[in-house]
């Protein structure tokens, strides 16, 4: 897949994700999407910029991002797209039952 195709598919997945209700997604899926989005758009987390104030939600988000910091931005986009496509496919199959 070319970079242009990947970027187009990533932007399409972002639009689909914006239409999804957060409450309908399990928290682990929300965290994975967050981490892949951050890695895809900002790159590897700079731990020097991590906020030292303790907020549990932020700690989970930071941890999720740190866990995937070894992958490239393009790989993060691919994983993000895969998750969104899987969610859409599961939603479509549930509606048809």
PDB file of N, CA and C in Angstrom:
ATOM      1  N   UNK A   1       0.851  -1.176   0.000  1.00  0.00           N
ATOM      2  CA  UNK A   1       0.000   0.000   0.000  1.00  0.00           C
ATOM      3  C   UNK A   1       0.898   1.240   0.000  1.00  0.00           C
ATOM      4  N   UNK A   2       0.607   2.161  -0.896  1.00  0.00           N
ATOM      5  CA  UNK A   2       1.418   3.374  -0.960  1.00  0.00           C
ATOM      6  C   UNK A   2       1.093   4.276   0.227  1.00  0.00           C
ATOM      7  N   UNK A   3       1.994   5.210   0.496  1.00  0.00           N
ATOM      8  CA  UNK A   3       1.772   6.144   1.609  1.00  0.00           C
ATOM      9  C   UNK A   3       0.500   6.955   1.417  1.00  0.00           C
ATOM     10  N   UNK A   4       0.213   7.319   0.158  1.00  0.00           N
ATOM     11  CA  UNK A   4      -0.992   8.098  -0.119  1.00  0.00           C
ATOM     12  C   UNK A   4      -2.240   7.262   0.166  1.00  0.00           C
ATOM     13  N   UNK A   5      -2.225   5.995  -0.282  1.00  0.00           N
ATOM     14  CA  UNK A   5      -3.348   5.103  -0.014  1.00  0.00           C
ATOM     15  C   UNK A   5      -3.522   4.891   1.486  1.00  0.00           C
ATOM     16  N   UNK A   6      -2.410   4.690   2.190  1.00  0.00           N
ATOM     17  CA  UNK A   6      -2.455   4.473   3.633  1.00  0.00           C
ATOM     18  C   UNK A   6      -3.038   5.702   4.327  1.00  0.00           C
ATOM     19  N   UNK A   7      -2.590   6.863   3.951  1.00  0.00           N
ATOM     20  CA  UNK A   7      -3.087   8.096   4.576  1.00  0.00           C
ATOM     21  C   UNK A   7      -4.573   8.290   4.298  1.00  0.00           C
ATOM     22  N   UNK A   8      -4.996   7.990   3.084  1.00  0.00           N
ATOM     23  CA  UNK A   8      -6.413   8.108   2.728  1.00  0.00           C
ATOM     24  C   UNK A   8      -7.253   7.146   3.564  1.00  0.00           C
ATOM     25  N   UNK A   9      -6.807   5.906   3.664  1.00  0.00           N
ATOM     26  CA  UNK A   9      -7.541   4.910   4.454  1.00  0.00           C
ATOM     27  C   UNK A   9      -7.548   5.277   5.937  1.00  0.00           C
ATOM     28  N   UNK A  10      -6.448   5.830   6.425  1.00  0.00           N
ATOM     29  CA  UNK A  10      -6.370   6.258   7.820  1.00  0.00           C
ATOM     30  C   UNK A  10      -7.356   7.401   8.069  1.00  0.00           C
ATOM     31  N   UNK A  11      -7.395   8.371   7.174  1.00  0.00           N
ATOM     32  CA  UNK A  11      -8.327   9.496   7.330  1.00  0.00           C
ATOM     33  C   UNK A  11      -9.781   9.005   7.284  1.00  0.00           C
ATOM     34  N   UNK A  12     -10.051   8.035   6.418  1.00  0.00           N
ATOM     35  CA  UNK A  12     -11.405   7.460   6.352  1.00  0.00           C
ATOM     36  C   UNK A  12     -11.750   6.753   7.659  1.00  0.00           C
ATOM     37  N   UNK A  13     -10.785   6.020   8.220  1.00  0.00           N
ATOM     38  CA  UNK A  13     -11.012   5.327   9.492  1.00  0.00           C
ATOM     39  C   UNK A  13     -11.251   6.327  10.618  1.00  0.00           C
ATOM     40  N   UNK A  14     -10.548   7.444  10.588  1.00  0.00           N
ATOM     41  CA  UNK A  14     -10.761   8.490  11.602  1.00  0.00           C
ATOM     42  C   UNK A  14     -12.185   9.041  11.527  1.00  0.00           C
ATOM     43  N   UNK A  15     -12.687   9.227  10.317  1.00  0.00           N
ATOM     44  CA  UNK A  15     -14.061   9.720  10.156  1.00  0.00           C
ATOM     45  C   UNK A  15     -15.074   8.709  10.694  1.00  0.00           C
ATOM     46  N   UNK A  16     -14.840   7.442  10.426  1.00  0.00           N
ATOM     47  CA  UNK A  16     -15.728   6.393  10.937  1.00  0.00           C
ATOM     48  C   UNK A  16     -15.676   6.381  12.465  1.00  0.00           C
ATOM     49  N   UNK A  17     -14.477   6.490  13.018  1.00  0.00           N
ATOM     50  CA  UNK A  17     -14.307   6.463  14.474  1.00  0.00           C
ATOM     51  C   UNK A  17     -15.025   7.629  15.142  1.00  0.00           C
ATOM     52  N   UNK A  18     -15.038   8.775  14.495  1.00  0.00           N
ATOM     53  CA  UNK A  18     -15.715   9.953  15.055  1.00  0.00           C
ATOM     54  C   UNK A  18     -17.210   9.726  15.202  1.00  0.00           C
ATOM     55  N   UNK A  19     -17.760   8.858  14.376  1.00  0.00           N
ATOM     56  CA  UNK A  19     -19.192   8.572  14.416  1.00  0.00           C
ATOM     57  C   UNK A  19     -19.549   7.515  15.460  1.00  0.00           C
ATOM     58  N   UNK A  20     -18.540   6.845  15.987  1.00  0.00           N
ATOM     59  CA  UNK A  20     -18.789   5.784  16.969  1.00  0.00           C
ATOM     60  C   UNK A  20     -18.995   6.384  18.358  1.00  0.00           C
ATOM     61  N   UNK A  21     -19.814   5.715  19.116  1.00  0.00           N
ATOM     62  CA  UNK A  21     -20.040   6.103  20.502  1.00  0.00           C
ATOM     63  C   UNK A  21     -18.968   5.470  21.375  1.00  0.00           C
ATOM     64  N   UNK A  22     -18.271   6.296  22.156  1.00  0.00           N
ATOM     65  CA  UNK A  22     -17.242   5.749  23.039  1.00  0.00           C
ATOM     66  C   UNK A  22     -17.818   4.727  24.004  1.00  0.00           C
ATOM     67  N   UNK A  23     -19.020   4.977  24.464  1.00  0.00           N
ATOM     68  CA  UNK A  23     -19.613   4.074  25.444  1.00  0.00           C
ATOM     69  C   UNK A  23     -19.899   2.691  24.865  1.00  0.00           C
ATOM     70  N   UNK A  24     -19.934   2.594  23.539  1.00  0.00           N
ATOM     71  CA  UNK A  24     -20.194   1.294  22.909  1.00  0.00           C
ATOM     72  C   UNK A  24     -18.915   0.469  22.747  1.00  0.00           C
ATOM     73  N   UNK A  25     -17.761   1.082  23.002  1.00  0.00           N
ATOM     74  CA  UNK A  25     -16.483   0.389  22.821  1.00  0.00           C
ATOM     75  C   UNK A  25     -15.897  -0.017  24.171  1.00  0.00           C
ATOM     76  N   UNK A  26     -15.396  -1.242  24.281  1.00  0.00           N
ATOM     77  CA  UNK A  26     -14.708  -1.632  25.514  1.00  0.00           C
ATOM     78  C   UNK A  26     -13.506  -0.722  25.763  1.00  0.00           C
ATOM     79  N   UNK A  27     -13.171  -0.529  27.018  1.00  0.00           N
ATOM     80  CA  UNK A  27     -12.083   0.388  27.357  1.00  0.00           C
ATOM     81  C   UNK A  27     -10.746  -0.045  26.778  1.00  0.00           C
ATOM     82  N   UNK A  28     -10.506  -1.359  26.682  1.00  0.00           N
ATOM     83  CA  UNK A  28      -9.237  -1.800  26.120  1.00  0.00           C
ATOM     84  C   UNK A  28      -9.136  -1.430  24.638  1.00  0.00           C
ATOM     85  N   UNK A  29     -10.254  -1.471  23.936  1.00  0.00           N
ATOM     86  CA  UNK A  29     -10.268  -1.083  22.524  1.00  0.00           C
ATOM     87  C   UNK A  29     -10.053   0.427  22.407  1.00  0.00           C
ATOM     88  N   UNK A  30     -10.696   1.190  23.272  1.00  0.00           N
ATOM     89  CA  UNK A  30     -10.503   2.637  23.274  1.00  0.00           C
ATOM     90  C   UNK A  30      -9.027   2.986  23.495  1.00  0.00           C
ATOM     91  N   UNK A  31      -8.391   2.294  24.432  1.00  0.00           N
ATOM     92  CA  UNK A  31      -6.978   2.556  24.715  1.00  0.00           C
ATOM     93  C   UNK A  31      -6.089   2.190  23.539  1.00  0.00           C
ATOM     94  N   UNK A  32      -6.381   1.063  22.884  1.00  0.00           N
ATOM     95  CA  UNK A  32      -5.577   0.677  21.715  1.00  0.00           C
ATOM     96  C   UNK A  32      -5.740   1.689  20.593  1.00  0.00           C
ATOM     97  N   UNK A  33      -6.967   2.115  20.340  1.00  0.00           N
ATOM     98  CA  UNK A  33      -7.193   3.125  19.301  1.00  0.00           C
ATOM     99  C   UNK A  33      -6.455   4.416  19.636  1.00  0.00           C
ATOM    100  N   UNK A  34      -6.528   4.827  20.892  1.00  0.00           N
ATOM    101  CA  UNK A  34      -5.825   6.038  21.328  1.00  0.00           C
ATOM    102  C   UNK A  34      -4.320   5.892  21.064  1.00  0.00           C
ATOM    103  N   UNK A  35      -3.754   4.775  21.491  1.00  0.00           N
ATOM    104  CA  UNK A  35      -2.314   4.578  21.356  1.00  0.00           C
ATOM    105  C   UNK A  35      -1.885   4.564  19.888  1.00  0.00           C
ATOM    106  N   UNK A  36      -2.631   3.839  19.056  1.00  0.00           N
ATOM    107  CA  UNK A  36      -2.277   3.792  17.634  1.00  0.00           C
ATOM    108  C   UNK A  36      -2.436   5.163  16.980  1.00  0.00           C
ATOM    109  N   UNK A  37      -3.475   5.887  17.363  1.00  0.00           N
ATOM    110  CA  UNK A  37      -3.662   7.235  16.819  1.00  0.00           C
ATOM    111  C   UNK A  37      -2.481   8.124  17.193  1.00  0.00           C
ATOM    112  N   UNK A  38      -2.114   8.109  18.460  1.00  0.00           N
ATOM    113  CA  UNK A  38      -1.010   8.961  18.918  1.00  0.00           C
ATOM    114  C   UNK A  38       0.300   8.571  18.231  1.00  0.00           C
ATOM    115  N   UNK A  39       0.558   7.272  18.134  1.00  0.00           N
ATOM    116  CA  UNK A  39       1.791   6.823  17.483  1.00  0.00           C
ATOM    117  C   UNK A  39       1.785   7.199  16.006  1.00  0.00           C
ATOM    118  N   UNK A  40       0.624   7.099  15.375  1.00  0.00           N
ATOM    119  CA  UNK A  40       0.506   7.418  13.950  1.00  0.00           C
ATOM    120  C   UNK A  40       0.654   8.906  13.679  1.00  0.00           C
ATOM    121  N   UNK A  41       0.168   9.735  14.584  1.00  0.00           N
ATOM    122  CA  UNK A  41       0.147  11.169  14.319  1.00  0.00           C
ATOM    123  C   UNK A  41       1.253  11.955  15.015  1.00  0.00           C
ATOM    124  N   UNK A  42       1.738  11.455  16.153  1.00  0.00           N
ATOM    125  CA  UNK A  42       2.770  12.182  16.896  1.00  0.00           C
ATOM    126  C   UNK A  42       4.090  11.439  16.984  1.00  0.00           C
ATOM    127  N   UNK A  43       4.086  10.147  16.656  1.00  0.00           N
ATOM    128  CA  UNK A  43       5.303   9.349  16.769  1.00  0.00           C
ATOM    129  C   UNK A  43       5.505   8.853  18.188  1.00  0.00           C
ATOM    130  N   UNK A  44       6.700   8.390  18.454  1.00  0.00           N
ATOM    131  CA  UNK A  44       7.009   7.789  19.746  1.00  0.00           C
ATOM    132  C   UNK A  44       6.875   8.807  20.869  1.00  0.00           C
ATOM    133  N   UNK A  45       6.275   8.355  21.952  1.00  0.00           N
ATOM    134  CA  UNK A  45       6.058   9.195  23.128  1.00  0.00           C
ATOM    135  C   UNK A  45       7.379   9.660  23.707  1.00  0.00           C
ATOM    136  N   UNK A  46       7.481  10.949  23.947  1.00  0.00           N
ATOM    137  CA  UNK A  46       8.650  11.523  24.608  1.00  0.00           C
ATOM    138  C   UNK A  46       8.372  11.496  26.101  1.00  0.00           C
ATOM    139  N   UNK A  47       9.000  10.563  26.794  1.00  0.00           N
ATOM    140  CA  UNK A  47       8.713  10.396  28.216  1.00  0.00           C
ATOM    141  C   UNK A  47       9.098  11.620  29.039  1.00  0.00           C
ATOM    142  N   UNK A  48       9.944  12.480  28.506  1.00  0.00           N
ATOM    143  CA  UNK A  48      10.302  13.711  29.221  1.00  0.00           C
ATOM    144  C   UNK A  48       9.120  14.672  29.279  1.00  0.00           C
ATOM    145  N   UNK A  49       8.172  14.509  28.363  1.00  0.00           N
ATOM    146  CA  UNK A  49       7.020  15.399  28.328  1.00  0.00           C
ATOM    147  C   UNK A  49       5.800  14.824  29.040  1.00  0.00           C
ATOM    148  N   UNK A  50       5.960  13.646  29.650  1.00  0.00           N
ATOM    149  CA  UNK A  50       4.842  13.025  30.351  1.00  0.00           C
ATOM    150  C   UNK A  50       4.508  13.864  31.575  1.00  0.00           C
ATOM    151  N   UNK A  51       3.224  14.125  31.737  1.00  0.00           N
ATOM    152  CA  UNK A  51       2.750  14.912  32.864  1.00  0.00           C
ATOM    153  C   UNK A  51       2.956  14.120  34.150  1.00  0.00           C
ATOM    154  N   UNK A  52       3.636  14.695  35.119  1.00  0.00           N
ATOM    155  CA  UNK A  52       3.941  13.991  36.358  1.00  0.00           C
ATOM    156  C   UNK A  52       2.803  14.027  37.363  1.00  0.00           C
ATOM    157  N   UNK A  53       1.772  14.794  37.099  1.00  0.00           N
ATOM    158  CA  UNK A  53       0.638  14.769  38.011  1.00  0.00           C
ATOM    159  C   UNK A  53      -0.103  13.463  37.803  1.00  0.00           C
ATOM    160  N   UNK A  54      -0.632  12.909  38.876  1.00  0.00           N
ATOM    161  CA  UNK A  54      -1.234  11.584  38.786  1.00  0.00           C
ATOM    162  C   UNK A  54      -2.719  11.680  38.499  1.00  0.00           C
ATOM    163  N   UNK A  55      -3.080  11.258  37.313  1.00  0.00           N
ATOM    164  CA  UNK A  55      -4.472  11.086  36.923  1.00  0.00           C
ATOM    165  C   UNK A  55      -4.539   9.683  36.338  1.00  0.00           C
ATOM    166  N   UNK A  56      -5.347   8.838  36.931  1.00  0.00           N
ATOM    167  CA  UNK A  56      -5.391   7.437  36.539  1.00  0.00           C
ATOM    168  C   UNK A  56      -5.688   7.260  35.052  1.00  0.00           C
ATOM    169  N   UNK A  57      -6.644   8.024  34.557  1.00  0.00           N
ATOM    170  CA  UNK A  57      -6.996   7.914  33.132  1.00  0.00           C
ATOM    171  C   UNK A  57      -5.797   8.239  32.242  1.00  0.00           C
ATOM    172  N   UNK A  58      -5.094   9.321  32.566  1.00  0.00           N
ATOM    173  CA  UNK A  58      -3.922   9.700  31.783  1.00  0.00           C
ATOM    174  C   UNK A  58      -2.823   8.650  31.888  1.00  0.00           C
ATOM    175  N   UNK A  59      -2.690   8.031  33.058  1.00  0.00           N
ATOM    176  CA  UNK A  59      -1.676   6.995  33.238  1.00  0.00           C
ATOM    177  C   UNK A  59      -1.963   5.801  32.327  1.00  0.00           C
ATOM    178  N   UNK A  60      -3.228   5.406  32.232  1.00  0.00           N
ATOM    179  CA  UNK A  60      -3.586   4.295  31.342  1.00  0.00           C
ATOM    180  C   UNK A  60      -3.316   4.657  29.889  1.00  0.00           C
ATOM    181  N   UNK A  61      -3.651   5.882  29.496  1.00  0.00           N
ATOM    182  CA  UNK A  61      -3.438   6.312  28.117  1.00  0.00           C
ATOM    183  C   UNK A  61      -1.938   6.359  27.790  1.00  0.00           C
ATOM    184  N   UNK A  62      -1.165   6.912  28.713  1.00  0.00           N
ATOM    185  CA  UNK A  62       0.283   6.990  28.507  1.00  0.00           C
ATOM    186  C   UNK A  62       0.883   5.599  28.419  1.00  0.00           C
ATOM    187  N   UNK A  63       0.457   4.703  29.292  1.00  0.00           N
ATOM    188  CA  UNK A  63       0.958   3.335  29.275  1.00  0.00           C
ATOM    189  C   UNK A  63       0.632   2.642  27.958  1.00  0.00           C
ATOM    190  N   UNK A  64      -0.588   2.820  27.478  1.00  0.00           N
ATOM    191  CA  UNK A  64      -0.982   2.201  26.204  1.00  0.00           C
ATOM    192  C   UNK A  64      -0.089   2.692  25.073  1.00  0.00           C
ATOM    193  N   UNK A  65       0.186   3.982  25.053  1.00  0.00           N
ATOM    194  CA  UNK A  65       1.035   4.559  24.004  1.00  0.00           C
ATOM    195  C   UNK A  65       2.462   4.044  24.130  1.00  0.00           C
ATOM    196  N   UNK A  66       2.971   3.981  25.364  1.00  0.00           N
ATOM    197  CA  UNK A  66       4.341   3.510  25.567  1.00  0.00           C
ATOM    198  C   UNK A  66       4.508   2.061  25.123  1.00  0.00           C
ATOM    199  N   UNK A  67       3.472   1.251  25.301  1.00  0.00           N
ATOM    200  CA  UNK A  67       3.560  -0.166  24.942  1.00  0.00           C
ATOM    201  C   UNK A  67       3.734  -0.392  23.443  1.00  0.00           C
ATOM    202  N   UNK A  68       3.305   0.550  22.643  1.00  0.00           N
ATOM    203  CA  UNK A  68       3.442   0.372  21.189  1.00  0.00           C
ATOM    204  C   UNK A  68       4.477   1.314  20.588  1.00  0.00           C
ATOM    205  N   UNK A  69       5.282   1.927  21.418  1.00  0.00           N
ATOM    206  CA  UNK A  69       6.245   2.919  20.931  1.00  0.00           C
ATOM    207  C   UNK A  69       7.293   2.341  19.989  1.00  0.00           C
ATOM    208  N   UNK A  70       7.395   1.023  19.922  1.00  0.00           N
ATOM    209  CA  UNK A  70       8.388   0.385  19.064  1.00  0.00           C
ATOM    210  C   UNK A  70       7.918   0.259  17.608  1.00  0.00           C
ATOM    211  N   UNK A  71       6.649   0.557  17.327  1.00  0.00           N
ATOM    212  CA  UNK A  71       6.169   0.403  15.951  1.00  0.00           C
ATOM    213  C   UNK A  71       6.237   1.734  15.205  1.00  0.00           C
ATOM    214  N   UNK A  72       6.267   1.646  13.902  1.00  0.00           N
ATOM    215  CA  UNK A  72       6.346   2.854  13.075  1.00  0.00           C
ATOM    216  C   UNK A  72       4.983   3.543  12.985  1.00  0.00           C
ATOM    217  N   UNK A  73       4.997   4.771  12.554  1.00  0.00           N
ATOM    218  CA  UNK A  73       3.746   5.516  12.358  1.00  0.00           C
ATOM    219  C   UNK A  73       2.870   4.821  11.317  1.00  0.00           C
ATOM    220  N   UNK A  74       3.474   4.312  10.257  1.00  0.00           N
ATOM    221  CA  UNK A  74       2.691   3.614   9.226  1.00  0.00           C
ATOM    222  C   UNK A  74       2.055   2.339   9.776  1.00  0.00           C
ATOM    223  N   UNK A  75       2.802   1.590  10.581  1.00  0.00           N
ATOM    224  CA  UNK A  75       2.230   0.387  11.188  1.00  0.00           C
ATOM    225  C   UNK A  75       1.086   0.756  12.134  1.00  0.00           C
ATOM    226  N   UNK A  76       1.255   1.838  12.873  1.00  0.00           N
ATOM    227  CA  UNK A  76       0.194   2.287  13.777  1.00  0.00           C
ATOM    228  C   UNK A  76      -1.068   2.636  12.989  1.00  0.00           C
ATOM    229  N   UNK A  77      -0.900   3.271  11.844  1.00  0.00           N
ATOM    230  CA  UNK A  77      -2.049   3.586  10.994  1.00  0.00           C
ATOM    231  C   UNK A  77      -2.734   2.315  10.517  1.00  0.00           C
ATOM    232  N   UNK A  78      -1.934   1.330  10.107  1.00  0.00           N
ATOM    233  CA  UNK A  78      -2.503   0.062   9.650  1.00  0.00           C
ATOM    234  C   UNK A  78      -3.297  -0.630  10.756  1.00  0.00           C
ATOM    235  N   UNK A  79      -2.740  -0.674  11.956  1.00  0.00           N
ATOM    236  CA  UNK A  79      -3.443  -1.301  13.081  1.00  0.00           C
ATOM    237  C   UNK A  79      -4.724  -0.547  13.420  1.00  0.00           C
ATOM    238  N   UNK A  80      -4.658   0.769  13.376  1.00  0.00           N
ATOM    239  CA  UNK A  80      -5.849   1.589  13.644  1.00  0.00           C
ATOM    240  C   UNK A  80      -6.941   1.265  12.633  1.00  0.00           C
ATOM    241  N   UNK A  81      -6.575   1.233  11.366  1.00  0.00           N
ATOM    242  CA  UNK A  81      -7.525   0.923  10.287  1.00  0.00           C
ATOM    243  C   UNK A  81      -8.118  -0.470  10.498  1.00  0.00           C
ATOM    244  N   UNK A  82      -7.280  -1.446  10.838  1.00  0.00           N
ATOM    245  CA  UNK A  82      -7.755  -2.816  11.057  1.00  0.00           C
ATOM    246  C   UNK A  82      -8.788  -2.879  12.179  1.00  0.00           C
ATOM    247  N   UNK A  83      -8.524  -2.177  13.277  1.00  0.00           N
ATOM    248  CA  UNK A  83      -9.465  -2.197  14.403  1.00  0.00           C
ATOM    249  C   UNK A  83     -10.787  -1.568  13.998  1.00  0.00           C
ATOM    250  N   UNK A  84     -10.737  -0.414  13.345  1.00  0.00           N
ATOM    251  CA  UNK A  84     -11.968   0.262  12.923  1.00  0.00           C
ATOM    252  C   UNK A  84     -12.754  -0.623  11.957  1.00  0.00           C
ATOM    253  N   UNK A  85     -12.069  -1.204  10.986  1.00  0.00           N
ATOM    254  CA  UNK A  85     -12.753  -2.084  10.030  1.00  0.00           C
ATOM    255  C   UNK A  85     -13.380  -3.288  10.728  1.00  0.00           C
ATOM    256  N   UNK A  86     -12.693  -3.837  11.700  1.00  0.00           N
ATOM    257  CA  UNK A  86     -13.222  -4.968  12.460  1.00  0.00           C
ATOM    258  C   UNK A  86     -14.464  -4.566  13.253  1.00  0.00           C
ATOM    259  N   UNK A  87     -14.425  -3.392  13.864  1.00  0.00           N
ATOM    260  CA  UNK A  87     -15.579  -2.903  14.621  1.00  0.00           C
ATOM    261  C   UNK A  87     -16.782  -2.681  13.708  1.00  0.00           C
ATOM    262  N   UNK A  88     -16.536  -2.110  12.536  1.00  0.00           N
ATOM    263  CA  UNK A  88     -17.621  -1.870  11.577  1.00  0.00           C
ATOM    264  C   UNK A  88     -18.196  -3.202  11.102  1.00  0.00           C
ATOM    265  N   UNK A  89     -17.318  -4.146  10.796  1.00  0.00           N
ATOM    266  CA  UNK A  89     -17.765  -5.461  10.333  1.00  0.00           C
ATOM    267  C   UNK A  89     -18.598  -6.163  11.409  1.00  0.00           C
ATOM    268  N   UNK A  90     -18.134  -6.111  12.661  1.00  0.00           N
ATOM    269  CA  UNK A  90     -18.883  -6.735  13.760  1.00  0.00           C
ATOM    270  C   UNK A  90     -20.224  -6.052  13.968  1.00  0.00           C
ATOM    271  N   UNK A  91     -20.242  -4.742  13.847  1.00  0.00           N
ATOM    272  CA  UNK A  91     -21.483  -3.989  14.012  1.00  0.00           C
ATOM    273  C   UNK A  91     -22.474  -4.337  12.902  1.00  0.00           C
ATOM    274  N   UNK A  92     -21.974  -4.426  11.675  1.00  0.00           N
ATOM    275  CA  UNK A  92     -22.834  -4.794  10.537  1.00  0.00           C
ATOM    276  C   UNK A  92     -23.418  -6.191  10.709  1.00  0.00           C
ATOM    277  N   UNK A  93     -22.596  -7.136  11.163  1.00  0.00           N
ATOM    278  CA  UNK A  93     -23.087  -8.509  11.315  1.00  0.00           C
ATOM    279  C   UNK A  93     -24.081  -8.593  12.471  1.00  0.00           C
ATOM    280  N   UNK A  94     -23.919  -7.801  13.508  1.00  0.00           N
ATOM    281  CA  UNK A  94     -24.874  -7.794  14.623  1.00  0.00           C
ATOM    282  C   UNK A  94     -26.207  -7.209  14.201  1.00  0.00           C
ATOM    283  N   UNK A  95     -26.165  -6.223  13.322  1.00  0.00           N
ATOM    284  CA  UNK A  95     -27.408  -5.596  12.854  1.00  0.00           C
ATOM    285  C   UNK A  95     -28.195  -6.521  11.937  1.00  0.00           C
ATOM    286  N   UNK A  96     -27.491  -7.426  11.259  1.00  0.00           N
ATOM    287  CA  UNK A  96     -28.152  -8.343  10.322  1.00  0.00           C
ATOM    288  C   UNK A  96     -28.752  -9.560  11.011  1.00  0.00           C
ATOM    289  N   UNK A  97     -28.473  -9.732  12.286  1.00  0.00           N
ATOM    290  CA  UNK A  97     -29.010 -10.911  12.991  1.00  0.00           C
ATOM    291  C   UNK A  97     -30.411 -10.692  13.466  1.00  0.00           C
TER     292      UNK A  97
END
